[in-house]
Amino acid sequence: MRYRTFGRTGWQVGEIGYGMWGMGSWAGSDDQESLDSLGRAVELGCNFFDTAWAYGSGRSERLLGQLVRAHPDHRLYTATKVPPKNWQWPSRREYSLDDCFPPDHVRRYVEKSLANARFDSYDLMQLHTWEDAWLADDRWIEELAKLKSEGLIHAVGISLNRWEPQNGVEAVRSGLVDAVQVIYNIFDQNPEDALFPACREHNVAVIARVPFDEGTLTGNLTLESTWPRGDWRNTYFVADNLRESVERAELLKRLLPPGMTLSEMALRFILGEATVSTVIPGMRKCRHVEQNLAASDAGPLDAPLRAELAKHRWDRLPTEWSQ
């Protein structure tokens, strides 16, 4: 595992972190299998773990607490997220701070998340949706600053809406946030336009999420792919999205060097962007942990291949199903 500096915090975090959404609320999650996979990640050098209260109403946070207590000799960085009060993902322009993150709601869910994991503090507390318009109302940052002064959290972050990285640029420029979490992958390259330059200028950490485009960039999806009843991917991969996603993934497979999988290429593409502090693939099985963390050892892709992949940028706009 190679390590990178997490923005102005100075933390040294593994460039492959761990996204814990799937083990909290996706169909088929098994807690023991999840704990085994988390433990294997620690053995291989992973030290950044990202969760949220919304991932199974605290289930994922409880697993993180068990992991940290099982490895007292390792410095593991913990990150979670406060859910919006109106329970709406993504945020919309018309939502106010009172709709989503009034101060009493922020404090209540920080305390809930601490209780779930049985932690005294979290390293990073993030707001799970974001609108740059909320910068006009200081109450969110005042409450988070109080929580920080009380030692309950150590850094503040925001999680940006799908396909809207521009809706966080002003937050980065404000100097109020230590980290931003954003979708960045072979298809979703638009954070490179304005968000990443702002993060470099203001030394804000970048957490790259959805590295496999919800599964498209593993190369395993087909036009016949289905998911268990209740799995959110049934509503994300509507017919039109599934078809175009599969078609675009097939084009990428033609660029694969011998012996390289599409998921490895997807991760190593992201690692070629120095602005990224850590990338957080979701992993529920030990073999996925081993495969994904090996991408760090392999390093970034060579320049010609990365240049070819840049041509596969897919600019998308939020829709009713994009969540």
C-alpha atoms as a PDB file:
ATOM      1  CA  MET A   1       0.000   0.000   0.000  1.00  0.00           C
ATOM      2  CA  ARG A   2       1.198   3.473  -0.868  1.00  0.00           C
ATOM      3  CA  TYR A   3       0.155   6.442   1.253  1.00  0.00           C
ATOM      4  CA  ARG A   4      -0.844  10.015   0.487  1.00  0.00           C
ATOM      5  CA  THR A   5      -1.259  13.146   2.589  1.00  0.00           C
ATOM      6  CA  PHE A   6      -4.898  13.853   3.390  1.00  0.00           C
ATOM      7  CA  GLY A   7      -4.963  17.557   2.615  1.00  0.00           C
ATOM      8  CA  ARG A   8      -4.296  20.039   5.382  1.00  0.00           C
ATOM      9  CA  THR A   9      -4.890  17.427   8.101  1.00  0.00           C
ATOM     10  CA  GLY A  10      -1.489  15.919   7.416  1.00  0.00           C
ATOM     11  CA  TRP A  11      -2.831  12.379   7.898  1.00  0.00           C
ATOM     12  CA  GLN A  12      -1.026   9.698   5.944  1.00  0.00           C
ATOM     13  CA  VAL A  13      -3.791   7.545   4.470  1.00  0.00           C
ATOM     14  CA  GLY A  14      -3.680   4.566   2.171  1.00  0.00           C
ATOM     15  CA  GLU A  15      -4.426   5.595  -1.383  1.00  0.00           C
ATOM     16  CA  ILE A  16      -6.920   2.717  -1.497  1.00  0.00           C
ATOM     17  CA  GLY A  17      -9.413   3.208   1.316  1.00  0.00           C
ATOM     18  CA  TYR A  18     -12.560   1.281   2.150  1.00  0.00           C
ATOM     19  CA  GLY A  19     -16.118   2.284   1.254  1.00  0.00           C
ATOM     20  CA  MET A  20     -18.589   0.651   3.646  1.00  0.00           C
ATOM     21  CA  TRP A  21     -21.963   1.370   2.040  1.00  0.00           C
ATOM     22  CA  GLY A  22     -22.509  -2.118   0.630  1.00  0.00           C
ATOM     23  CA  MET A  23     -22.025  -3.924   3.929  1.00  0.00           C
ATOM     24  CA  GLY A  24     -24.478  -1.623   5.688  1.00  0.00           C
ATOM     25  CA  SER A  25     -27.574  -1.753   3.530  1.00  0.00           C
ATOM     26  CA  TRP A  26     -27.112  -3.666   0.267  1.00  0.00           C
ATOM     27  CA  ALA A  27     -28.886  -6.967  -0.231  1.00  0.00           C
ATOM     28  CA  GLY A  28     -26.828 -10.028   0.663  1.00  0.00           C
ATOM     29  CA  SER A  29     -24.556  -8.399   3.228  1.00  0.00           C
ATOM     30  CA  ASP A  30     -23.240 -10.718   5.940  1.00  0.00           C
ATOM     31  CA  ASP A  31     -21.672  -9.134   9.007  1.00  0.00           C
ATOM     32  CA  GLN A  32     -19.053 -11.821   9.589  1.00  0.00           C
ATOM     33  CA  GLU A  33     -17.989 -11.778   5.964  1.00  0.00           C
ATOM     34  CA  SER A  34     -17.797  -7.993   6.160  1.00  0.00           C
ATOM     35  CA  LEU A  35     -15.644  -8.103   9.310  1.00  0.00           C
ATOM     36  CA  ASP A  36     -13.333 -10.673   7.727  1.00  0.00           C
ATOM     37  CA  SER A  37     -12.924  -8.432   4.680  1.00  0.00           C
ATOM     38  CA  LEU A  38     -12.302  -5.340   6.791  1.00  0.00           C
ATOM     39  CA  GLY A  39      -9.700  -7.186   8.833  1.00  0.00           C
ATOM     40  CA  ARG A  40      -7.944  -8.407   5.709  1.00  0.00           C
ATOM     41  CA  ALA A  41      -7.797  -4.819   4.467  1.00  0.00           C
ATOM     42  CA  VAL A  42      -6.044  -3.728   7.653  1.00  0.00           C
ATOM     43  CA  GLU A  43      -3.542  -6.566   7.240  1.00  0.00           C
ATOM     44  CA  LEU A  44      -2.760  -5.286   3.743  1.00  0.00           C
ATOM     45  CA  GLY A  45      -2.204  -1.695   4.857  1.00  0.00           C
ATOM     46  CA  CYS A  46      -5.604  -0.053   4.419  1.00  0.00           C
ATOM     47  CA  ASN A  47      -6.134   2.579   7.108  1.00  0.00           C
ATOM     48  CA  PHE A  48      -9.008   4.809   5.890  1.00  0.00           C
ATOM     49  CA  PHE A  49     -12.596   3.652   6.337  1.00  0.00           C
ATOM     50  CA  ASP A  50     -15.619   5.618   5.158  1.00  0.00           C
ATOM     51  CA  THR A  51     -19.135   4.964   6.384  1.00  0.00           C
ATOM     52  CA  ALA A  52     -22.370   6.852   7.145  1.00  0.00           C
ATOM     53  CA  TRP A  53     -25.286   6.685   9.533  1.00  0.00           C
ATOM     54  CA  ALA A  54     -27.519   6.016   6.520  1.00  0.00           C
ATOM     55  CA  TYR A  55     -25.656   2.799   5.688  1.00  0.00           C
ATOM     56  CA  GLY A  56     -28.061   0.475   7.406  1.00  0.00           C
ATOM     57  CA  SER A  57     -29.183   3.000  10.070  1.00  0.00           C
ATOM     58  CA  GLY A  58     -25.825   2.670  11.804  1.00  0.00           C
ATOM     59  CA  ARG A  59     -25.087  -0.966  10.925  1.00  0.00           C
ATOM     60  CA  SER A  60     -21.958  -0.065   8.985  1.00  0.00           C
ATOM     61  CA  GLU A  61     -20.799   2.254  11.770  1.00  0.00           C
ATOM     62  CA  ARG A  62     -21.149  -0.566  14.285  1.00  0.00           C
ATOM     63  CA  LEU A  63     -18.972  -2.778  12.087  1.00  0.00           C
ATOM     64  CA  LEU A  64     -16.366  -0.030  11.927  1.00  0.00           C
ATOM     65  CA  GLY A  65     -16.337   0.195  15.700  1.00  0.00           C
ATOM     66  CA  GLN A  66     -15.724  -3.538  15.962  1.00  0.00           C
ATOM     67  CA  LEU A  67     -12.879  -3.269  13.460  1.00  0.00           C
ATOM     68  CA  VAL A  68     -11.106  -0.476  15.336  1.00  0.00           C
ATOM     69  CA  ARG A  69     -11.374  -2.279  18.658  1.00  0.00           C
ATOM     70  CA  ALA A  70     -10.001  -5.455  17.068  1.00  0.00           C
ATOM     71  CA  HIS A  71      -6.864  -3.604  15.884  1.00  0.00           C
ATOM     72  CA  PRO A  72      -5.734  -1.377  18.772  1.00  0.00           C
ATOM     73  CA  ASP A  73      -2.162  -1.271  17.484  1.00  0.00           C
ATOM     74  CA  HIS A  74      -3.115   0.198  14.086  1.00  0.00           C
ATOM     75  CA  ARG A  75      -3.857   3.861  13.378  1.00  0.00           C
ATOM     76  CA  LEU A  76      -7.132   3.601  11.482  1.00  0.00           C
ATOM     77  CA  TYR A  77      -8.768   6.775  10.193  1.00  0.00           C
ATOM     78  CA  THR A  78     -12.548   6.827  10.597  1.00  0.00           C
ATOM     79  CA  ALA A  79     -15.005   8.847   8.535  1.00  0.00           C
ATOM     80  CA  THR A  80     -18.783   8.964   8.645  1.00  0.00           C
ATOM     81  CA  LYS A  81     -21.628  11.217   7.482  1.00  0.00           C
ATOM     82  CA  VAL A  82     -24.601  13.041   8.936  1.00  0.00           C
ATOM     83  CA  PRO A  83     -27.786  12.218   6.965  1.00  0.00           C
ATOM     84  CA  PRO A  84     -29.927  15.112   5.707  1.00  0.00           C
ATOM     85  CA  LYS A  85     -32.918  15.818   7.943  1.00  0.00           C
ATOM     86  CA  ASN A  86     -35.353  15.500   5.033  1.00  0.00           C
ATOM     87  CA  TRP A  87     -33.860  12.108   4.046  1.00  0.00           C
ATOM     88  CA  GLN A  88     -33.522  13.177   0.435  1.00  0.00           C
ATOM     89  CA  TRP A  89     -30.572  12.144  -1.750  1.00  0.00           C
ATOM     90  CA  PRO A  90     -29.368  14.011  -3.711  1.00  0.00           C
ATOM     91  CA  SER A  91     -29.956  17.512  -2.452  1.00  0.00           C
ATOM     92  CA  ARG A  92     -31.830  19.941  -4.688  1.00  0.00           C
ATOM     93  CA  ARG A  93     -31.302  23.652  -5.197  1.00  0.00           C
ATOM     94  CA  GLU A  94     -34.503  24.541  -3.359  1.00  0.00           C
ATOM     95  CA  TYR A  95     -33.541  22.747  -0.138  1.00  0.00           C
ATOM     96  CA  SER A  96     -32.547  25.048   2.700  1.00  0.00           C
ATOM     97  CA  LEU A  97     -30.099  24.373   5.493  1.00  0.00           C
ATOM     98  CA  ASP A  98     -33.075  23.897   7.826  1.00  0.00           C
ATOM     99  CA  ASP A  99     -34.409  21.229   5.479  1.00  0.00           C
ATOM    100  CA  CYS A 100     -31.165  19.262   5.640  1.00  0.00           C
ATOM    101  CA  PHE A 101     -28.642  20.215   8.312  1.00  0.00           C
ATOM    102  CA  PRO A 102     -29.984  22.465  11.076  1.00  0.00           C
ATOM    103  CA  PRO A 103     -27.517  22.582  13.989  1.00  0.00           C
ATOM    104  CA  ASP A 104     -29.536  20.444  16.404  1.00  0.00           C
ATOM    105  CA  HIS A 105     -29.896  17.725  13.759  1.00  0.00           C
ATOM    106  CA  VAL A 106     -26.160  17.748  13.033  1.00  0.00           C
ATOM    107  CA  ARG A 107     -25.295  17.350  16.721  1.00  0.00           C
ATOM    108  CA  ARG A 108     -27.902  14.641  17.278  1.00  0.00           C
ATOM    109  CA  TYR A 109     -26.568  12.484  14.461  1.00  0.00           C
ATOM    110  CA  VAL A 110     -22.926  13.013  15.373  1.00  0.00           C
ATOM    111  CA  GLU A 111     -23.859  11.673  18.801  1.00  0.00           C
ATOM    112  CA  LYS A 112     -25.810   8.780  17.252  1.00  0.00           C
ATOM    113  CA  SER A 113     -22.847   7.851  15.058  1.00  0.00           C
ATOM    114  CA  LEU A 114     -20.460   7.962  18.005  1.00  0.00           C
ATOM    115  CA  ALA A 115     -22.801   5.716  19.983  1.00  0.00           C
ATOM    116  CA  ASN A 116     -23.136   3.248  17.093  1.00  0.00           C
ATOM    117  CA  ALA A 117     -19.383   2.761  16.812  1.00  0.00           C
ATOM    118  CA  ARG A 118     -18.731   3.271  20.540  1.00  0.00           C
ATOM    119  CA  PHE A 119     -16.121   5.901  19.655  1.00  0.00           C
ATOM    120  CA  ASP A 120     -15.051   8.942  21.619  1.00  0.00           C
ATOM    121  CA  SER A 121     -14.504  10.756  18.332  1.00  0.00           C
ATOM    122  CA  TYR A 122     -14.447  10.417  14.555  1.00  0.00           C
ATOM    123  CA  ASP A 123     -11.537  11.645  12.490  1.00  0.00           C
ATOM    124  CA  LEU A 124     -13.761  13.020   9.722  1.00  0.00           C
ATOM    125  CA  MET A 125     -17.413  14.052   9.934  1.00  0.00           C
ATOM    126  CA  GLN A 126     -19.085  14.785   6.608  1.00  0.00           C
ATOM    127  CA  LEU A 127     -22.441  16.216   5.587  1.00  0.00           C
ATOM    128  CA  HIS A 128     -24.010  13.548   3.367  1.00  0.00           C
ATOM    129  CA  THR A 129     -25.440  16.044   0.864  1.00  0.00           C
ATOM    130  CA  TRP A 130     -24.352  19.522  -0.035  1.00  0.00           C
ATOM    131  CA  GLU A 131     -25.413  22.828  -1.612  1.00  0.00           C
ATOM    132  CA  ASP A 132     -22.934  25.653  -2.045  1.00  0.00           C
ATOM    133  CA  ALA A 133     -25.809  28.048  -1.309  1.00  0.00           C
ATOM    134  CA  TRP A 134     -25.608  26.932   2.346  1.00  0.00           C
ATOM    135  CA  LEU A 135     -22.357  28.870   2.664  1.00  0.00           C
ATOM    136  CA  ALA A 136     -24.554  31.937   3.236  1.00  0.00           C
ATOM    137  CA  ASP A 137     -25.767  30.404   6.511  1.00  0.00           C
ATOM    138  CA  ASP A 138     -22.956  29.951   9.039  1.00  0.00           C
ATOM    139  CA  ARG A 139     -24.895  27.740  11.452  1.00  0.00           C
ATOM    140  CA  TRP A 140     -23.716  24.432   9.947  1.00  0.00           C
ATOM    141  CA  ILE A 141     -20.041  25.236  10.303  1.00  0.00           C
ATOM    142  CA  GLU A 142     -20.505  26.865  13.702  1.00  0.00           C
ATOM    143  CA  GLU A 143     -22.038  23.651  15.029  1.00  0.00           C
ATOM    144  CA  LEU A 144     -19.336  21.488  13.485  1.00  0.00           C
ATOM    145  CA  ALA A 145     -16.693  23.826  14.924  1.00  0.00           C
ATOM    146  CA  LYS A 146     -18.244  23.359  18.377  1.00  0.00           C
ATOM    147  CA  LEU A 147     -18.175  19.593  17.958  1.00  0.00           C
ATOM    148  CA  LYS A 148     -14.553  19.855  16.893  1.00  0.00           C
ATOM    149  CA  SER A 149     -13.646  22.005  19.920  1.00  0.00           C
ATOM    150  CA  GLU A 150     -15.310  19.396  22.146  1.00  0.00           C
ATOM    151  CA  GLY A 151     -13.067  16.707  20.676  1.00  0.00           C
ATOM    152  CA  LEU A 152     -15.946  14.740  19.145  1.00  0.00           C
ATOM    153  CA  ILE A 153     -14.683  15.186  15.574  1.00  0.00           C
ATOM    154  CA  HIS A 154     -11.321  16.222  14.160  1.00  0.00           C
ATOM    155  CA  ALA A 155     -12.018  17.358  10.599  1.00  0.00           C
ATOM    156  CA  VAL A 156     -15.003  18.461   8.496  1.00  0.00           C
ATOM    157  CA  GLY A 157     -16.011  17.268   5.047  1.00  0.00           C
ATOM    158  CA  ILE A 158     -18.841  17.349   2.535  1.00  0.00           C
ATOM    159  CA  SER A 159     -20.115  14.681   0.160  1.00  0.00           C
ATOM    160  CA  LEU A 160     -21.075  16.059  -3.243  1.00  0.00           C
ATOM    161  CA  ASN A 161     -24.102  15.086  -5.280  1.00  0.00           C
ATOM    162  CA  ARG A 162     -23.703  12.654  -8.147  1.00  0.00           C
ATOM    163  CA  TRP A 163     -22.504  14.364 -11.337  1.00  0.00           C
ATOM    164  CA  GLU A 164     -22.403  17.816  -9.706  1.00  0.00           C
ATOM    165  CA  PRO A 165     -18.789  18.422  -8.657  1.00  0.00           C
ATOM    166  CA  GLN A 166     -19.127  22.114  -9.459  1.00  0.00           C
ATOM    167  CA  ASN A 167     -21.589  22.376  -6.549  1.00  0.00           C
ATOM    168  CA  GLY A 168     -18.735  22.201  -4.066  1.00  0.00           C
ATOM    169  CA  VAL A 169     -16.129  24.492  -5.548  1.00  0.00           C
ATOM    170  CA  GLU A 170     -17.173  27.497  -3.459  1.00  0.00           C
ATOM    171  CA  ALA A 171     -17.140  25.385  -0.297  1.00  0.00           C
ATOM    172  CA  VAL A 172     -13.540  24.419  -1.049  1.00  0.00           C
ATOM    173  CA  ARG A 173     -12.614  28.029  -1.738  1.00  0.00           C
ATOM    174  CA  SER A 174     -14.267  29.148   1.510  1.00  0.00           C
ATOM    175  CA  GLY A 175     -11.613  27.411   3.594  1.00  0.00           C
ATOM    176  CA  LEU A 176     -14.312  25.898   5.816  1.00  0.00           C
ATOM    177  CA  VAL A 177     -13.982  22.241   4.797  1.00  0.00           C
ATOM    178  CA  ASP A 178     -11.033  19.882   5.128  1.00  0.00           C
ATOM    179  CA  ALA A 179     -12.237  17.256   2.640  1.00  0.00           C
ATOM    180  CA  VAL A 180     -14.632  16.689  -0.219  1.00  0.00           C
ATOM    181  CA  GLN A 181     -16.013  13.356  -1.339  1.00  0.00           C
ATOM    182  CA  VAL A 182     -16.877  13.174  -5.026  1.00  0.00           C
ATOM    183  CA  ILE A 183     -17.583  10.636  -7.734  1.00  0.00           C
ATOM    184  CA  TYR A 184     -14.478  10.288  -9.899  1.00  0.00           C
ATOM    185  CA  ASN A 185     -13.743   7.467 -12.322  1.00  0.00           C
ATOM    186  CA  ILE A 186     -12.971   6.776 -15.987  1.00  0.00           C
ATOM    187  CA  PHE A 187     -16.420   7.962 -17.002  1.00  0.00           C
ATOM    188  CA  ASP A 188     -16.854  10.769 -14.456  1.00  0.00           C
ATOM    189  CA  GLN A 189     -13.801  12.937 -15.102  1.00  0.00           C
ATOM    190  CA  ASN A 190     -15.482  16.323 -14.665  1.00  0.00           C
ATOM    191  CA  PRO A 191     -14.043  16.968 -11.166  1.00  0.00           C
ATOM    192  CA  GLU A 192     -10.812  17.682 -13.035  1.00  0.00           C
ATOM    193  CA  ASP A 193     -12.327  20.854 -14.520  1.00  0.00           C
ATOM    194  CA  ALA A 194     -12.826  23.114 -11.470  1.00  0.00           C
ATOM    195  CA  LEU A 195     -13.079  21.089  -8.271  1.00  0.00           C
ATOM    196  CA  PHE A 196      -9.622  19.510  -8.307  1.00  0.00           C
ATOM    197  CA  PRO A 197      -7.797  22.774  -9.082  1.00  0.00           C
ATOM    198  CA  ALA A 198      -9.617  24.414  -6.147  1.00  0.00           C
ATOM    199  CA  CYS A 199      -8.684  21.514  -3.865  1.00  0.00           C
ATOM    200  CA  ARG A 200      -5.032  21.795  -4.860  1.00  0.00           C
ATOM    201  CA  GLU A 201      -5.048  25.546  -4.250  1.00  0.00           C
ATOM    202  CA  HIS A 202      -6.645  25.266  -0.804  1.00  0.00           C
ATOM    203  CA  ASN A 203      -5.052  21.969   0.281  1.00  0.00           C
ATOM    204  CA  VAL A 204      -8.395  20.188   0.656  1.00  0.00           C
ATOM    205  CA  ALA A 205      -8.380  16.381   0.683  1.00  0.00           C
ATOM    206  CA  VAL A 206     -10.247  14.489  -2.047  1.00  0.00           C
ATOM    207  CA  ILE A 207     -12.038  11.195  -1.416  1.00  0.00           C
ATOM    208  CA  ALA A 208     -12.856   9.567  -4.762  1.00  0.00           C
ATOM    209  CA  ARG A 209     -15.970   7.431  -4.519  1.00  0.00           C
ATOM    210  CA  VAL A 210     -17.793   5.117  -6.968  1.00  0.00           C
ATOM    211  CA  PRO A 211     -14.571   4.088  -8.741  1.00  0.00           C
ATOM    212  CA  PHE A 212     -16.400   1.297 -10.580  1.00  0.00           C
ATOM    213  CA  ASP A 213     -19.421   3.389 -11.609  1.00  0.00           C
ATOM    214  CA  GLU A 214     -21.693   1.279  -9.370  1.00  0.00           C
ATOM    215  CA  GLY A 215     -20.367  -1.895 -11.001  1.00  0.00           C
ATOM    216  CA  THR A 216     -20.123  -0.929 -14.655  1.00  0.00           C
ATOM    217  CA  LEU A 217     -16.339  -0.634 -14.499  1.00  0.00           C
ATOM    218  CA  THR A 218     -15.876  -4.100 -13.068  1.00  0.00           C
ATOM    219  CA  GLY A 219     -16.830  -5.417 -16.505  1.00  0.00           C
ATOM    220  CA  ASN A 220     -19.298  -7.853 -14.987  1.00  0.00           C
ATOM    221  CA  LEU A 221     -22.560  -6.168 -15.963  1.00  0.00           C
ATOM    222  CA  THR A 222     -24.591  -7.447 -18.888  1.00  0.00           C
ATOM    223  CA  LEU A 223     -27.912  -6.469 -20.413  1.00  0.00           C
ATOM    224  CA  GLU A 224     -29.432  -9.317 -18.399  1.00  0.00           C
ATOM    225  CA  SER A 225     -28.038  -8.190 -15.025  1.00  0.00           C
ATOM    226  CA  THR A 226     -30.548  -8.133 -12.171  1.00  0.00           C
ATOM    227  CA  TRP A 227     -30.361  -7.573  -8.418  1.00  0.00           C
ATOM    228  CA  PRO A 228     -32.336  -8.829  -5.429  1.00  0.00           C
ATOM    229  CA  ARG A 229     -35.631  -7.171  -4.641  1.00  0.00           C
ATOM    230  CA  GLY A 230     -35.070  -4.004  -2.655  1.00  0.00           C
ATOM    231  CA  ASP A 231     -31.506  -3.497  -3.901  1.00  0.00           C
ATOM    232  CA  TRP A 232     -31.149   0.145  -4.938  1.00  0.00           C
ATOM    233  CA  ARG A 233     -29.296  -0.811  -8.135  1.00  0.00           C
ATOM    234  CA  ASN A 234     -32.633  -1.922  -9.586  1.00  0.00           C
ATOM    235  CA  THR A 235     -33.687   1.723  -9.617  1.00  0.00           C
ATOM    236  CA  TYR A 236     -30.305   3.055 -10.752  1.00  0.00           C
ATOM    237  CA  PHE A 237     -29.708   0.703 -13.667  1.00  0.00           C
ATOM    238  CA  VAL A 238     -32.928   1.476 -15.488  1.00  0.00           C
ATOM    239  CA  ALA A 239     -33.047   0.011 -18.986  1.00  0.00           C
ATOM    240  CA  ASP A 240     -31.492   2.981 -20.795  1.00  0.00           C
ATOM    241  CA  ASN A 241     -28.711   3.422 -18.243  1.00  0.00           C
ATOM    242  CA  LEU A 242     -27.887  -0.281 -18.134  1.00  0.00           C
ATOM    243  CA  ARG A 243     -27.672  -0.515 -21.910  1.00  0.00           C
ATOM    244  CA  GLU A 244     -25.383   2.479 -22.369  1.00  0.00           C
ATOM    245  CA  SER A 245     -23.260   1.512 -19.363  1.00  0.00           C
ATOM    246  CA  VAL A 246     -22.661  -1.994 -20.725  1.00  0.00           C
ATOM    247  CA  GLU A 247     -21.874  -0.653 -24.203  1.00  0.00           C
ATOM    248  CA  ARG A 248     -19.319   1.817 -22.853  1.00  0.00           C
ATOM    249  CA  ALA A 249     -17.688  -0.828 -20.652  1.00  0.00           C
ATOM    250  CA  GLU A 250     -17.301  -3.121 -23.653  1.00  0.00           C
ATOM    251  CA  LEU A 251     -15.398  -0.372 -25.477  1.00  0.00           C
ATOM    252  CA  LEU A 252     -13.021  -0.048 -22.535  1.00  0.00           C
ATOM    253  CA  LYS A 253     -12.289  -3.767 -22.532  1.00  0.00           C
ATOM    254  CA  ARG A 254     -10.589  -3.335 -25.919  1.00  0.00           C
ATOM    255  CA  LEU A 255      -7.945  -1.160 -24.223  1.00  0.00           C
ATOM    256  CA  LEU A 256      -7.026  -3.649 -21.492  1.00  0.00           C
ATOM    257  CA  PRO A 257      -3.346  -4.611 -21.407  1.00  0.00           C
ATOM    258  CA  PRO A 258      -2.693  -8.368 -21.174  1.00  0.00           C
ATOM    259  CA  GLY A 259      -3.370  -9.709 -17.701  1.00  0.00           C
ATOM    260  CA  MET A 260      -5.171  -6.603 -16.442  1.00  0.00           C
ATOM    261  CA  THR A 261      -8.815  -6.604 -15.372  1.00  0.00           C
ATOM    262  CA  LEU A 262     -11.186  -3.735 -16.022  1.00  0.00           C
ATOM    263  CA  SER A 263     -11.561  -3.066 -12.289  1.00  0.00           C
ATOM    264  CA  GLU A 264      -7.778  -2.841 -11.896  1.00  0.00           C
ATOM    265  CA  MET A 265      -7.561  -0.435 -14.807  1.00  0.00           C
ATOM    266  CA  ALA A 266     -10.369   1.654 -13.274  1.00  0.00           C
ATOM    267  CA  LEU A 267      -8.571   1.990  -9.942  1.00  0.00           C
ATOM    268  CA  ARG A 268      -5.175   2.680 -11.447  1.00  0.00           C
ATOM    269  CA  PHE A 269      -6.707   5.384 -13.654  1.00  0.00           C
ATOM    270  CA  ILE A 270      -7.839   7.193 -10.506  1.00  0.00           C
ATOM    271  CA  LEU A 271      -4.454   6.724  -8.836  1.00  0.00           C
ATOM    272  CA  GLY A 272      -2.929   8.627 -11.741  1.00  0.00           C
ATOM    273  CA  GLU A 273      -4.613  11.794 -10.432  1.00  0.00           C
ATOM    274  CA  ALA A 274      -2.367  13.247  -7.736  1.00  0.00           C
ATOM    275  CA  THR A 275      -5.157  15.441  -6.330  1.00  0.00           C
ATOM    276  CA  VAL A 276      -6.959  12.338  -5.052  1.00  0.00           C
ATOM    277  CA  SER A 277      -6.056  11.562  -1.442  1.00  0.00           C
ATOM    278  CA  THR A 278      -7.771   8.180  -1.321  1.00  0.00           C
ATOM    279  CA  VAL A 279     -10.223   6.153  -3.385  1.00  0.00           C
ATOM    280  CA  ILE A 280     -12.880   4.122  -1.571  1.00  0.00           C
ATOM    281  CA  PRO A 281     -14.144   1.062  -3.473  1.00  0.00           C
ATOM    282  CA  GLY A 282     -16.881  -0.912  -1.804  1.00  0.00           C
ATOM    283  CA  MET A 283     -15.677  -4.392  -0.813  1.00  0.00           C
ATOM    284  CA  ARG A 284     -17.610  -7.172   0.903  1.00  0.00           C
ATOM    285  CA  LYS A 285     -15.389 -10.185   0.200  1.00  0.00           C
ATOM    286  CA  CYS A 286     -11.741 -10.866   1.027  1.00  0.00           C
ATOM    287  CA  ARG A 287     -10.879 -11.618  -2.583  1.00  0.00           C
ATOM    288  CA  HIS A 288     -12.171  -8.182  -3.616  1.00  0.00           C
ATOM    289  CA  VAL A 289     -10.073  -6.567  -0.897  1.00  0.00           C
ATOM    290  CA  GLU A 290      -6.953  -8.357  -2.120  1.00  0.00           C
ATOM    291  CA  GLN A 291      -7.620  -7.534  -5.770  1.00  0.00           C
ATOM    292  CA  ASN A 292      -8.384  -3.869  -5.167  1.00  0.00           C
ATOM    293  CA  LEU A 293      -5.594  -3.100  -2.727  1.00  0.00           C
ATOM    294  CA  ALA A 294      -3.102  -4.682  -5.133  1.00  0.00           C
ATOM    295  CA  ALA A 295      -3.797  -1.772  -7.498  1.00  0.00           C
ATOM    296  CA  SER A 296      -1.818   0.465  -5.160  1.00  0.00           C
ATOM    297  CA  ASP A 297       1.236  -1.761  -5.431  1.00  0.00           C
ATOM    298  CA  ALA A 298       0.907  -1.766  -9.217  1.00  0.00           C
ATOM    299  CA  GLY A 299       0.814   2.032  -9.342  1.00  0.00           C
ATOM    300  CA  PRO A 300      -0.746   4.415 -11.867  1.00  0.00           C
ATOM    301  CA  LEU A 301      -1.247   3.473 -15.516  1.00  0.00           C
ATOM    302  CA  ASP A 302       1.302   4.479 -18.102  1.00  0.00           C
ATOM    303  CA  ALA A 303       0.702   7.859 -19.720  1.00  0.00           C
ATOM    304  CA  PRO A 304      -0.410   6.619 -23.180  1.00  0.00           C
ATOM    305  CA  LEU A 305      -3.112   4.358 -21.734  1.00  0.00           C
ATOM    306  CA  ARG A 306      -4.345   7.051 -19.370  1.00  0.00           C
ATOM    307  CA  ALA A 307      -4.571   9.446 -22.300  1.00  0.00           C
ATOM    308  CA  GLU A 308      -6.702   6.935 -24.188  1.00  0.00           C
ATOM    309  CA  LEU A 309      -8.986   6.503 -21.203  1.00  0.00           C
ATOM    310  CA  ALA A 310      -9.428  10.258 -20.957  1.00  0.00           C
ATOM    311  CA  LYS A 311     -11.300  10.038 -24.264  1.00  0.00           C
ATOM    312  CA  HIS A 312     -13.968   7.905 -22.565  1.00  0.00           C
ATOM    313  CA  ARG A 313     -15.200  10.760 -20.384  1.00  0.00           C
ATOM    314  CA  TRP A 314     -18.988  10.572 -20.113  1.00  0.00           C
ATOM    315  CA  ASP A 315     -20.630  13.834 -19.056  1.00  0.00           C
ATOM    316  CA  ARG A 316     -24.006  13.141 -17.450  1.00  0.00           C
ATOM    317  CA  LEU A 317     -26.665  15.284 -15.820  1.00  0.00           C
ATOM    318  CA  PRO A 318     -28.669  14.278 -12.729  1.00  0.00           C
ATOM    319  CA  THR A 319     -31.947  12.527 -13.492  1.00  0.00           C
ATOM    320  CA  GLU A 320     -34.858  11.143 -11.505  1.00  0.00           C
ATOM    321  CA  TRP A 321     -33.035   7.813 -11.210  1.00  0.00           C
ATOM    322  CA  SER A 322     -29.448   8.991 -10.644  1.00  0.00           C
ATOM    323  CA  GLN A 323     -29.924   9.489  -6.859  1.00  0.00           C
END
